[in-house]
Amino acid sequence: MAKFTAQDIQPGQRFEQRQGFFWRVARLIQFPGEDAIHVQLINERDSSNTKTVSVSALLDRSLFKLVEK
């Protein structure tokens, strides 16, 4: 697989967190006054469980990995 970059992140993509949790990208967020783009994630088992992480954290393979279709 080619290197996955911030420009490749799209709503609907699935990521697995190291602890075995699966998250779906809900949206990308640009907070006012910040350069870093963030991503809102929704837990696939419990949609009321959400988290917001930076794109750099999402791309850190020690934290998350993209789940291929």
C-alpha atoms as a PDB file:
ATOM      1  CA  MET A   1       0.000   0.000   0.000  1.00  0.00           C
ATOM      2  CA  ALA A   2       1.248   3.490  -0.816  1.00  0.00           C
ATOM      3  CA  LYS A   3       1.854   5.904   2.029  1.00  0.00           C
ATOM      4  CA  PHE A   4      -1.442   7.176   3.450  1.00  0.00           C
ATOM      5  CA  THR A   5      -1.528  10.970   3.901  1.00  0.00           C
ATOM      6  CA  ALA A   6      -3.803  13.594   5.461  1.00  0.00           C
ATOM      7  CA  GLN A   7      -5.216  14.400   2.022  1.00  0.00           C
ATOM      8  CA  ASP A   8      -6.441  10.793   1.755  1.00  0.00           C
ATOM      9  CA  ILE A   9      -8.667  10.942   4.857  1.00  0.00           C
ATOM     10  CA  GLN A  10     -12.366  10.935   3.999  1.00  0.00           C
ATOM     11  CA  PRO A  11     -15.597  10.641   6.019  1.00  0.00           C
ATOM     12  CA  GLY A  12     -16.698   7.017   6.242  1.00  0.00           C
ATOM     13  CA  GLN A  13     -13.215   5.520   6.431  1.00  0.00           C
ATOM     14  CA  ARG A  14     -12.562   2.984   9.187  1.00  0.00           C
ATOM     15  CA  PHE A  15      -9.579   2.916  11.512  1.00  0.00           C
ATOM     16  CA  GLU A  16      -8.586   0.378  14.130  1.00  0.00           C
ATOM     17  CA  GLN A  17      -7.131   1.649  17.369  1.00  0.00           C
ATOM     18  CA  ARG A  18      -4.414  -0.398  19.058  1.00  0.00           C
ATOM     19  CA  GLN A  19      -6.780  -1.623  21.773  1.00  0.00           C
ATOM     20  CA  GLY A  20      -9.001  -3.253  19.138  1.00  0.00           C
ATOM     21  CA  PHE A  21     -11.611  -0.504  18.912  1.00  0.00           C
ATOM     22  CA  PHE A  22     -12.923   0.382  15.464  1.00  0.00           C
ATOM     23  CA  TRP A  23     -13.691   3.984  14.595  1.00  0.00           C
ATOM     24  CA  ARG A  24     -15.333   5.611  11.573  1.00  0.00           C
ATOM     25  CA  VAL A  25     -14.397   9.083  10.362  1.00  0.00           C
ATOM     26  CA  ALA A  26     -17.433  11.349  10.765  1.00  0.00           C
ATOM     27  CA  ARG A  27     -15.889  14.620   9.607  1.00  0.00           C
ATOM     28  CA  LEU A  28     -12.737  16.665   9.323  1.00  0.00           C
ATOM     29  CA  ILE A  29     -12.542  19.765  11.493  1.00  0.00           C
ATOM     30  CA  GLN A  30     -10.497  22.952  11.157  1.00  0.00           C
ATOM     31  CA  PHE A  31     -10.604  24.791  14.481  1.00  0.00           C
ATOM     32  CA  PRO A  32     -10.323  28.605  14.252  1.00  0.00           C
ATOM     33  CA  GLY A  33      -6.802  29.814  14.936  1.00  0.00           C
ATOM     34  CA  GLU A  34      -5.220  26.357  14.564  1.00  0.00           C
ATOM     35  CA  ASP A  35      -3.198  25.044  11.658  1.00  0.00           C
ATOM     36  CA  ALA A  36      -3.712  21.378  12.509  1.00  0.00           C
ATOM     37  CA  ILE A  37      -6.711  19.597  11.046  1.00  0.00           C
ATOM     38  CA  HIS A  38      -8.630  17.272  13.363  1.00  0.00           C
ATOM     39  CA  VAL A  39     -10.952  14.346  12.740  1.00  0.00           C
ATOM     40  CA  GLN A  40     -14.123  13.435  14.602  1.00  0.00           C
ATOM     41  CA  LEU A  41     -14.341   9.663  15.054  1.00  0.00           C
ATOM     42  CA  ILE A  42     -17.385   7.582  15.973  1.00  0.00           C
ATOM     43  CA  ASN A  43     -16.996   4.236  17.733  1.00  0.00           C
ATOM     44  CA  GLU A  44     -18.549   1.495  15.604  1.00  0.00           C
ATOM     45  CA  ARG A  45     -19.956  -0.421  18.590  1.00  0.00           C
ATOM     46  CA  ASP A  46     -21.409   2.611  20.363  1.00  0.00           C
ATOM     47  CA  SER A  47     -22.234   5.615  18.194  1.00  0.00           C
ATOM     48  CA  SER A  48     -22.628   7.788  21.298  1.00  0.00           C
ATOM     49  CA  ASN A  49     -18.891   7.296  21.915  1.00  0.00           C
ATOM     50  CA  THR A  50     -17.005   9.872  19.861  1.00  0.00           C
ATOM     51  CA  LYS A  51     -13.553  11.362  19.983  1.00  0.00           C
ATOM     52  CA  THR A  52     -11.665  14.094  18.208  1.00  0.00           C
ATOM     53  CA  VAL A  53      -8.023  13.542  17.323  1.00  0.00           C
ATOM     54  CA  SER A  54      -5.518  15.393  15.202  1.00  0.00           C
ATOM     55  CA  VAL A  55      -4.858  14.086  11.721  1.00  0.00           C
ATOM     56  CA  SER A  56      -1.237  13.511  12.756  1.00  0.00           C
ATOM     57  CA  ALA A  57      -2.423  11.210  15.580  1.00  0.00           C
ATOM     58  CA  LEU A  58      -4.740   9.351  13.203  1.00  0.00           C
ATOM     59  CA  LEU A  59      -1.830   8.797  10.808  1.00  0.00           C
ATOM     60  CA  ASP A  60       0.463   7.548  13.600  1.00  0.00           C
ATOM     61  CA  ARG A  61       0.578   3.801  12.976  1.00  0.00           C
ATOM     62  CA  SER A  62       1.459   3.143  16.605  1.00  0.00           C
ATOM     63  CA  LEU A  63      -2.006   4.523  17.505  1.00  0.00           C
ATOM     64  CA  PHE A  64      -4.316   3.764  14.560  1.00  0.00           C
ATOM     65  CA  LYS A  65      -4.305   1.833  11.321  1.00  0.00           C
ATOM     66  CA  LEU A  66      -6.549   2.216   8.300  1.00  0.00           C
ATOM     67  CA  VAL A  67      -8.910  -0.706   7.759  1.00  0.00           C
ATOM     68  CA  GLU A  68      -8.907  -1.529   4.055  1.00  0.00           C
ATOM     69  CA  LYS A  69     -12.203  -2.347   2.371  1.00  0.00           C
END
